[in-house]
């Protein structure tokens, strides 16, 4: 299983809300359908993973641009 990403406060609150709703349905009956809530939680987790991947890509791109500018400045001094 893939490692869960770090969640924002909003994502954590939504997951907690859906988990509470699943628990409430579970108390009502063991045979109650919960797939809709499980899909919503999975969607939140997938969105958090995509956000983290995008942030990592943006950071790498910014670091690459900073190195390029630093090299440019170093060459301009010569």
PDB file of N, CA and C in Angstrom:
ATOM      1  N   UNK A   1       0.839  -1.180   0.000  1.00  0.00           N
ATOM      2  CA  UNK A   1       0.000   0.000   0.000  1.00  0.00           C
ATOM      3  C   UNK A   1       0.879   1.237   0.000  1.00  0.00           C
ATOM      4  N   UNK A   2       0.477   2.228  -0.758  1.00  0.00           N
ATOM      5  CA  UNK A   2       1.240   3.463  -0.845  1.00  0.00           C
ATOM      6  C   UNK A   2       1.120   4.257   0.452  1.00  0.00           C
ATOM      7  N   UNK A   3       2.170   4.984   0.732  1.00  0.00           N
ATOM      8  CA  UNK A   3       2.181   5.796   1.942  1.00  0.00           C
ATOM      9  C   UNK A   3       1.181   6.949   1.787  1.00  0.00           C
ATOM     10  N   UNK A   4       0.409   7.190   2.840  1.00  0.00           N
ATOM     11  CA  UNK A   4      -0.556   8.288   2.790  1.00  0.00           C
ATOM     12  C   UNK A   4       0.176   9.619   2.813  1.00  0.00           C
ATOM     13  N   UNK A   5      -0.313  10.582   2.037  1.00  0.00           N
ATOM     14  CA  UNK A   5       0.320  11.900   2.011  1.00  0.00           C
ATOM     15  C   UNK A   5      -0.051  12.706   3.253  1.00  0.00           C
ATOM     16  N   UNK A   6       0.624  13.832   3.430  1.00  0.00           N
ATOM     17  CA  UNK A   6       0.227  14.746   4.499  1.00  0.00           C
ATOM     18  C   UNK A   6      -1.034  15.454   4.037  1.00  0.00           C
ATOM     19  N   UNK A   7      -2.015  15.507   4.923  1.00  0.00           N
ATOM     20  CA  UNK A   7      -3.295  16.102   4.577  1.00  0.00           C
ATOM     21  C   UNK A   7      -3.376  17.533   5.084  1.00  0.00           C
ATOM     22  N   UNK A   8      -4.133  18.347   4.349  1.00  0.00           N
ATOM     23  CA  UNK A   8      -4.414  19.696   4.823  1.00  0.00           C
ATOM     24  C   UNK A   8      -5.476  19.594   5.915  1.00  0.00           C
ATOM     25  N   UNK A   9      -5.715  20.692   6.597  1.00  0.00           N
ATOM     26  CA  UNK A   9      -6.731  20.692   7.654  1.00  0.00           C
ATOM     27  C   UNK A   9      -8.110  20.371   7.081  1.00  0.00           C
ATOM     28  N   UNK A  10      -8.411  20.906   5.925  1.00  0.00           N
ATOM     29  CA  UNK A  10      -9.702  20.646   5.293  1.00  0.00           C
ATOM     30  C   UNK A  10      -9.871  19.190   4.899  1.00  0.00           C
ATOM     31  N   UNK A  11      -8.802  18.604   4.355  1.00  0.00           N
ATOM     32  CA  UNK A  11      -8.867  17.195   3.969  1.00  0.00           C
ATOM     33  C   UNK A  11      -9.045  16.307   5.203  1.00  0.00           C
ATOM     34  N   UNK A  12      -8.347  16.633   6.273  1.00  0.00           N
ATOM     35  CA  UNK A  12      -8.476  15.869   7.511  1.00  0.00           C
ATOM     36  C   UNK A  12      -9.898  15.952   8.056  1.00  0.00           C
ATOM     37  N   UNK A  13     -10.465  17.139   8.004  1.00  0.00           N
ATOM     38  CA  UNK A  13     -11.831  17.324   8.504  1.00  0.00           C
ATOM     39  C   UNK A  13     -12.835  16.533   7.666  1.00  0.00           C
ATOM     40  N   UNK A  14     -12.665  16.556   6.342  1.00  0.00           N
ATOM     41  CA  UNK A  14     -13.578  15.817   5.478  1.00  0.00           C
ATOM     42  C   UNK A  14     -13.474  14.310   5.717  1.00  0.00           C
ATOM     43  N   UNK A  15     -12.236  13.816   5.846  1.00  0.00           N
ATOM     44  CA  UNK A  15     -12.051  12.383   6.101  1.00  0.00           C
ATOM     45  C   UNK A  15     -12.682  11.998   7.433  1.00  0.00           C
ATOM     46  N   UNK A  16     -12.496  12.840   8.444  1.00  0.00           N
ATOM     47  CA  UNK A  16     -13.099  12.565   9.759  1.00  0.00           C
ATOM     48  C   UNK A  16     -14.621  12.544   9.658  1.00  0.00           C
ATOM     49  N   UNK A  17     -15.182  13.482   8.912  1.00  0.00           N
ATOM     50  CA  UNK A  17     -16.633  13.553   8.747  1.00  0.00           C
ATOM     51  C   UNK A  17     -17.168  12.293   8.069  1.00  0.00           C
ATOM     52  N   UNK A  18     -16.510  11.885   6.976  1.00  0.00           N
ATOM     53  CA  UNK A  18     -16.969  10.688   6.263  1.00  0.00           C
ATOM     54  C   UNK A  18     -16.776   9.433   7.100  1.00  0.00           C
ATOM     55  N   UNK A  19     -15.707   9.381   7.883  1.00  0.00           N
ATOM     56  CA  UNK A  19     -15.478   8.234   8.765  1.00  0.00           C
ATOM     57  C   UNK A  19     -16.572   8.159   9.829  1.00  0.00           C
ATOM     58  N   UNK A  20     -16.946   9.307  10.371  1.00  0.00           N
ATOM     59  CA  UNK A  20     -18.025   9.335  11.367  1.00  0.00           C
ATOM     60  C   UNK A  20     -19.344   8.888  10.741  1.00  0.00           C
ATOM     61  N   UNK A  21     -19.601   9.317   9.520  1.00  0.00           N
ATOM     62  CA  UNK A  21     -20.827   8.889   8.847  1.00  0.00           C
ATOM     63  C   UNK A  21     -20.822   7.384   8.586  1.00  0.00           C
ATOM     64  N   UNK A  22     -19.641   6.838   8.219  1.00  0.00           N
ATOM     65  CA  UNK A  22     -19.535   5.391   8.016  1.00  0.00           C
ATOM     66  C   UNK A  22     -19.779   4.654   9.333  1.00  0.00           C
ATOM     67  N   UNK A  23     -19.252   5.178  10.422  1.00  0.00           N
ATOM     68  CA  UNK A  23     -19.457   4.547  11.729  1.00  0.00           C
ATOM     69  C   UNK A  23     -20.933   4.580  12.108  1.00  0.00           C
ATOM     70  N   UNK A  24     -21.575   5.693  11.830  1.00  0.00           N
ATOM     71  CA  UNK A  24     -23.000   5.809  12.152  1.00  0.00           C
ATOM     72  C   UNK A  24     -23.810   4.793  11.350  1.00  0.00           C
ATOM     73  N   UNK A  25     -23.468   4.650  10.071  1.00  0.00           N
ATOM     74  CA  UNK A  25     -24.163   3.654   9.251  1.00  0.00           C
ATOM     75  C   UNK A  25     -23.865   2.246   9.748  1.00  0.00           C
ATOM     76  N   UNK A  26     -22.631   2.020  10.186  1.00  0.00           N
ATOM     77  CA  UNK A  26     -22.256   0.705  10.692  1.00  0.00           C
ATOM     78  C   UNK A  26     -23.017   0.336  11.938  1.00  0.00           C
ATOM     79  N   UNK A  27     -23.289   1.331  12.780  1.00  0.00           N
ATOM     80  CA  UNK A  27     -24.070   1.087  13.989  1.00  0.00           C
ATOM     81  C   UNK A  27     -25.503   0.716  13.611  1.00  0.00           C
ATOM     82  N   UNK A  28     -26.026   1.352  12.566  1.00  0.00           N
ATOM     83  CA  UNK A  28     -27.397   1.081  12.145  1.00  0.00           C
ATOM     84  C   UNK A  28     -27.562  -0.362  11.684  1.00  0.00           C
ATOM     85  N   UNK A  29     -26.591  -0.845  10.915  1.00  0.00           N
ATOM     86  CA  UNK A  29     -26.666  -2.217  10.424  1.00  0.00           C
ATOM     87  C   UNK A  29     -25.333  -2.588   9.789  1.00  0.00           C
ATOM     88  N   UNK A  30     -24.964  -3.840   9.906  1.00  0.00           N
ATOM     89  CA  UNK A  30     -23.707  -4.305   9.316  1.00  0.00           C
ATOM     90  C   UNK A  30     -23.816  -4.452   7.804  1.00  0.00           C
ATOM     91  N   UNK A  31     -25.034  -4.497   7.275  1.00  0.00           N
ATOM     92  CA  UNK A  31     -25.226  -4.720   5.845  1.00  0.00           C
ATOM     93  C   UNK A  31     -25.499  -3.441   5.076  1.00  0.00           C
ATOM     94  N   UNK A  32     -25.368  -2.280   5.712  1.00  0.00           N
ATOM     95  CA  UNK A  32     -25.637  -1.012   5.041  1.00  0.00           C
ATOM     96  C   UNK A  32     -24.514  -0.720   4.051  1.00  0.00           C
ATOM     97  N   UNK A  33     -24.889  -0.239   2.880  1.00  0.00           N
ATOM     98  CA  UNK A  33     -23.923   0.095   1.835  1.00  0.00           C
ATOM     99  C   UNK A  33     -23.142   1.342   2.222  1.00  0.00           C
ATOM    100  N   UNK A  34     -21.801   1.258   2.183  1.00  0.00           N
ATOM    101  CA  UNK A  34     -20.955   2.395   2.531  1.00  0.00           C
ATOM    102  C   UNK A  34     -19.979   2.747   1.412  1.00  0.00           C
ATOM    103  N   UNK A  35     -20.156   2.121   0.269  1.00  0.00           N
ATOM    104  CA  UNK A  35     -19.236   2.334  -0.845  1.00  0.00           C
ATOM    105  C   UNK A  35     -19.148   3.773  -1.293  1.00  0.00           C
ATOM    106  N   UNK A  36     -20.273   4.511  -1.209  1.00  0.00           N
ATOM    107  CA  UNK A  36     -20.246   5.903  -1.634  1.00  0.00           C
ATOM    108  C   UNK A  36     -19.311   6.730  -0.755  1.00  0.00           C
ATOM    109  N   UNK A  37     -19.357   6.507   0.554  1.00  0.00           N
ATOM    110  CA  UNK A  37     -18.493   7.247   1.467  1.00  0.00           C
ATOM    111  C   UNK A  37     -17.039   6.803   1.328  1.00  0.00           C
ATOM    112  N   UNK A  38     -16.818   5.521   1.110  1.00  0.00           N
ATOM    113  CA  UNK A  38     -15.461   5.020   0.912  1.00  0.00           C
ATOM    114  C   UNK A  38     -14.835   5.634  -0.338  1.00  0.00           C
ATOM    115  N   UNK A  39     -15.625   5.775  -1.403  1.00  0.00           N
ATOM    116  CA  UNK A  39     -15.119   6.406  -2.636  1.00  0.00           C
ATOM    117  C   UNK A  39     -14.764   7.867  -2.404  1.00  0.00           C
ATOM    118  N   UNK A  40     -15.589   8.552  -1.600  1.00  0.00           N
ATOM    119  CA  UNK A  40     -15.300   9.957  -1.301  1.00  0.00           C
ATOM    120  C   UNK A  40     -13.989  10.101  -0.541  1.00  0.00           C
ATOM    121  N   UNK A  41     -13.749   9.210   0.416  1.00  0.00           N
ATOM    122  CA  UNK A  41     -12.495   9.249   1.180  1.00  0.00           C
ATOM    123  C   UNK A  41     -11.323   8.939   0.251  1.00  0.00           C
ATOM    124  N   UNK A  42     -11.466   7.941  -0.616  1.00  0.00           N
ATOM    125  CA  UNK A  42     -10.402   7.605  -1.567  1.00  0.00           C
ATOM    126  C   UNK A  42     -10.109   8.775  -2.500  1.00  0.00           C
ATOM    127  N   UNK A  43     -11.147   9.488  -2.910  1.00  0.00           N
ATOM    128  CA  UNK A  43     -10.969  10.643  -3.780  1.00  0.00           C
ATOM    129  C   UNK A  43     -10.164  11.735  -3.074  1.00  0.00           C
ATOM    130  N   UNK A  44     -10.440  11.942  -1.807  1.00  0.00           N
ATOM    131  CA  UNK A  44      -9.698  12.937  -1.026  1.00  0.00           C
ATOM    132  C   UNK A  44      -8.229  12.520  -0.924  1.00  0.00           C
ATOM    133  N   UNK A  45      -7.978  11.246  -0.650  1.00  0.00           N
ATOM    134  CA  UNK A  45      -6.606  10.748  -0.528  1.00  0.00           C
ATOM    135  C   UNK A  45      -5.874  10.871  -1.855  1.00  0.00           C
ATOM    136  N   UNK A  46      -6.545  10.515  -2.949  1.00  0.00           N
ATOM    137  CA  UNK A  46      -5.931  10.638  -4.271  1.00  0.00           C
ATOM    138  C   UNK A  46      -5.612  12.093  -4.596  1.00  0.00           C
ATOM    139  N   UNK A  47      -6.519  12.989  -4.249  1.00  0.00           N
ATOM    140  CA  UNK A  47      -6.281  14.411  -4.478  1.00  0.00           C
ATOM    141  C   UNK A  47      -5.095  14.923  -3.683  1.00  0.00           C
ATOM    142  N   UNK A  48      -4.944  14.444  -2.461  1.00  0.00           N
ATOM    143  CA  UNK A  48      -3.805  14.852  -1.625  1.00  0.00           C
ATOM    144  C   UNK A  48      -2.496  14.329  -2.213  1.00  0.00           C
ATOM    145  N   UNK A  49      -2.517  13.108  -2.726  1.00  0.00           N
ATOM    146  CA  UNK A  49      -1.313  12.557  -3.374  1.00  0.00           C
ATOM    147  C   UNK A  49      -0.935  13.384  -4.598  1.00  0.00           C
ATOM    148  N   UNK A  50      -1.928  13.725  -5.417  1.00  0.00           N
ATOM    149  CA  UNK A  50      -1.660  14.537  -6.607  1.00  0.00           C
ATOM    150  C   UNK A  50      -1.120  15.908  -6.217  1.00  0.00           C
ATOM    151  N   UNK A  51      -1.679  16.491  -5.157  1.00  0.00           N
ATOM    152  CA  UNK A  51      -1.212  17.796  -4.691  1.00  0.00           C
ATOM    153  C   UNK A  51       0.244  17.716  -4.251  1.00  0.00           C
ATOM    154  N   UNK A  52       0.595  16.678  -3.500  1.00  0.00           N
ATOM    155  CA  UNK A  52       1.978  16.523  -3.044  1.00  0.00           C
ATOM    156  C   UNK A  52       2.927  16.317  -4.212  1.00  0.00           C
ATOM    157  N   UNK A  53       2.512  15.516  -5.202  1.00  0.00           N
ATOM    158  CA  UNK A  53       3.349  15.302  -6.381  1.00  0.00           C
ATOM    159  C   UNK A  53       3.561  16.612  -7.134  1.00  0.00           C
ATOM    160  N   UNK A  54       2.500  17.410  -7.277  1.00  0.00           N
ATOM    161  CA  UNK A  54       2.596  18.689  -7.969  1.00  0.00           C
ATOM    162  C   UNK A  54       3.504  19.646  -7.212  1.00  0.00           C
ATOM    163  N   UNK A  55       3.383  19.672  -5.883  1.00  0.00           N
ATOM    164  CA  UNK A  55       4.233  20.532  -5.080  1.00  0.00           C
ATOM    165  C   UNK A  55       5.701  20.126  -5.202  1.00  0.00           C
ATOM    166  N   UNK A  56       5.965  18.828  -5.232  1.00  0.00           N
ATOM    167  CA  UNK A  56       7.337  18.342  -5.377  1.00  0.00           C
ATOM    168  C   UNK A  56       7.895  18.722  -6.747  1.00  0.00           C
ATOM    169  N   UNK A  57       7.068  18.599  -7.785  1.00  0.00           N
ATOM    170  CA  UNK A  57       7.505  18.969  -9.129  1.00  0.00           C
ATOM    171  C   UNK A  57       7.769  20.472  -9.216  1.00  0.00           C
ATOM    172  N   UNK A  58       6.895  21.279  -8.614  1.00  0.00           N
ATOM    173  CA  UNK A  58       7.078  22.726  -8.616  1.00  0.00           C
ATOM    174  C   UNK A  58       8.350  23.123  -7.868  1.00  0.00           C
ATOM    175  N   UNK A  59       8.619  22.462  -6.752  1.00  0.00           N
ATOM    176  CA  UNK A  59       9.822  22.747  -5.971  1.00  0.00           C
ATOM    177  C   UNK A  59      11.073  22.395  -6.765  1.00  0.00           C
ATOM    178  N   UNK A  60      11.057  21.238  -7.426  1.00  0.00           N
ATOM    179  CA  UNK A  60      12.203  20.830  -8.234  1.00  0.00           C
ATOM    180  C   UNK A  60      12.447  21.814  -9.375  1.00  0.00           C
ATOM    181  N   UNK A  61      11.375  22.269  -9.984  1.00  0.00           N
ATOM    182  CA  UNK A  61      11.493  23.236 -11.085  1.00  0.00           C
ATOM    183  C   UNK A  61      12.050  24.567 -10.577  1.00  0.00           C
ATOM    184  N   UNK A  62      11.592  25.004  -9.405  1.00  0.00           N
ATOM    185  CA  UNK A  62      12.083  26.251  -8.833  1.00  0.00           C
ATOM    186  C   UNK A  62      13.559  26.142  -8.466  1.00  0.00           C
ATOM    187  N   UNK A  63      13.966  25.002  -7.921  1.00  0.00           N
ATOM    188  CA  UNK A  63      15.374  24.790  -7.584  1.00  0.00           C
ATOM    189  C   UNK A  63      16.240  24.788  -8.836  1.00  0.00           C
ATOM    190  N   UNK A  64      15.742  24.172  -9.898  1.00  0.00           N
ATOM    191  CA  UNK A  64      16.482  24.135 -11.160  1.00  0.00           C
ATOM    192  C   UNK A  64      16.645  25.548 -11.717  1.00  0.00           C
ATOM    193  N   UNK A  65      15.579  26.340 -11.659  1.00  0.00           N
ATOM    194  CA  UNK A  65      15.648  27.722 -12.139  1.00  0.00           C
ATOM    195  C   UNK A  65      16.608  28.545 -11.287  1.00  0.00           C
ATOM    196  N   UNK A  66      16.631  28.316  -9.982  1.00  0.00           N
ATOM    197  CA  UNK A  66      17.533  29.053  -9.097  1.00  0.00           C
ATOM    198  C   UNK A  66      18.988  28.697  -9.401  1.00  0.00           C
ATOM    199  N   UNK A  67      19.266  27.415  -9.647  1.00  0.00           N
ATOM    200  CA  UNK A  67      20.630  27.015  -9.999  1.00  0.00           C
ATOM    201  C   UNK A  67      21.058  27.642 -11.316  1.00  0.00           C
ATOM    202  N   UNK A  68      20.123  27.703 -12.260  1.00  0.00           N
ATOM    203  CA  UNK A  68      20.416  28.286 -13.574  1.00  0.00           C
ATOM    204  C   UNK A  68      20.751  29.772 -13.436  1.00  0.00           C
ATOM    205  N   UNK A  69      19.955  30.486 -12.629  1.00  0.00           N
ATOM    206  CA  UNK A  69      20.200  31.917 -12.404  1.00  0.00           C
ATOM    207  C   UNK A  69      21.523  32.135 -11.681  1.00  0.00           C
ATOM    208  N   UNK A  70      21.833  31.273 -10.742  1.00  0.00           N
ATOM    209  CA  UNK A  70      23.089  31.385  -9.995  1.00  0.00           C
ATOM    210  C   UNK A  70      24.276  31.175 -10.931  1.00  0.00           C
ATOM    211  N   UNK A  71      24.180  30.195 -11.808  1.00  0.00           N
ATOM    212  CA  UNK A  71      25.243  29.940 -12.769  1.00  0.00           C
ATOM    213  C   UNK A  71      25.389  31.114 -13.735  1.00  0.00           C
ATOM    214  N   UNK A  72      24.273  31.675 -14.152  1.00  0.00           N
ATOM    215  CA  UNK A  72      24.281  32.830 -15.052  1.00  0.00           C
ATOM    216  C   UNK A  72      24.986  34.009 -14.397  1.00  0.00           C
ATOM    217  N   UNK A  73      24.655  34.247 -13.126  1.00  0.00           N
ATOM    218  CA  UNK A  73      25.264  35.361 -12.395  1.00  0.00           C
ATOM    219  C   UNK A  73      26.759  35.127 -12.202  1.00  0.00           C
ATOM    220  N   UNK A  74      27.145  33.880 -11.944  1.00  0.00           N
ATOM    221  CA  UNK A  74      28.556  33.559 -11.762  1.00  0.00           C
ATOM    222  C   UNK A  74      29.319  33.781 -13.064  1.00  0.00           C
ATOM    223  N   UNK A  75      28.718  33.387 -14.192  1.00  0.00           N
ATOM    224  CA  UNK A  75      29.372  33.570 -15.506  1.00  0.00           C
ATOM    225  C   UNK A  75      29.420  35.024 -15.904  1.00  0.00           C
ATOM    226  N   UNK A  76      28.469  35.814 -15.481  1.00  0.00           N
ATOM    227  CA  UNK A  76      28.445  37.241 -15.821  1.00  0.00           C
ATOM    228  C   UNK A  76      29.550  37.992 -15.090  1.00  0.00           C
ATOM    229  N   UNK A  77      29.960  37.524 -13.916  1.00  0.00           N
ATOM    230  CA  UNK A  77      31.009  38.163 -13.136  1.00  0.00           C
ATOM    231  C   UNK A  77      32.372  37.964 -13.779  1.00  0.00           C
ATOM    232  N   UNK A  78      32.534  36.889 -14.535  1.00  0.00           N
ATOM    233  CA  UNK A  78      33.842  36.584 -15.139  1.00  0.00           C
ATOM    234  C   UNK A  78      34.186  37.469 -16.276  1.00  0.00           C
TER     235      UNK A  78
END
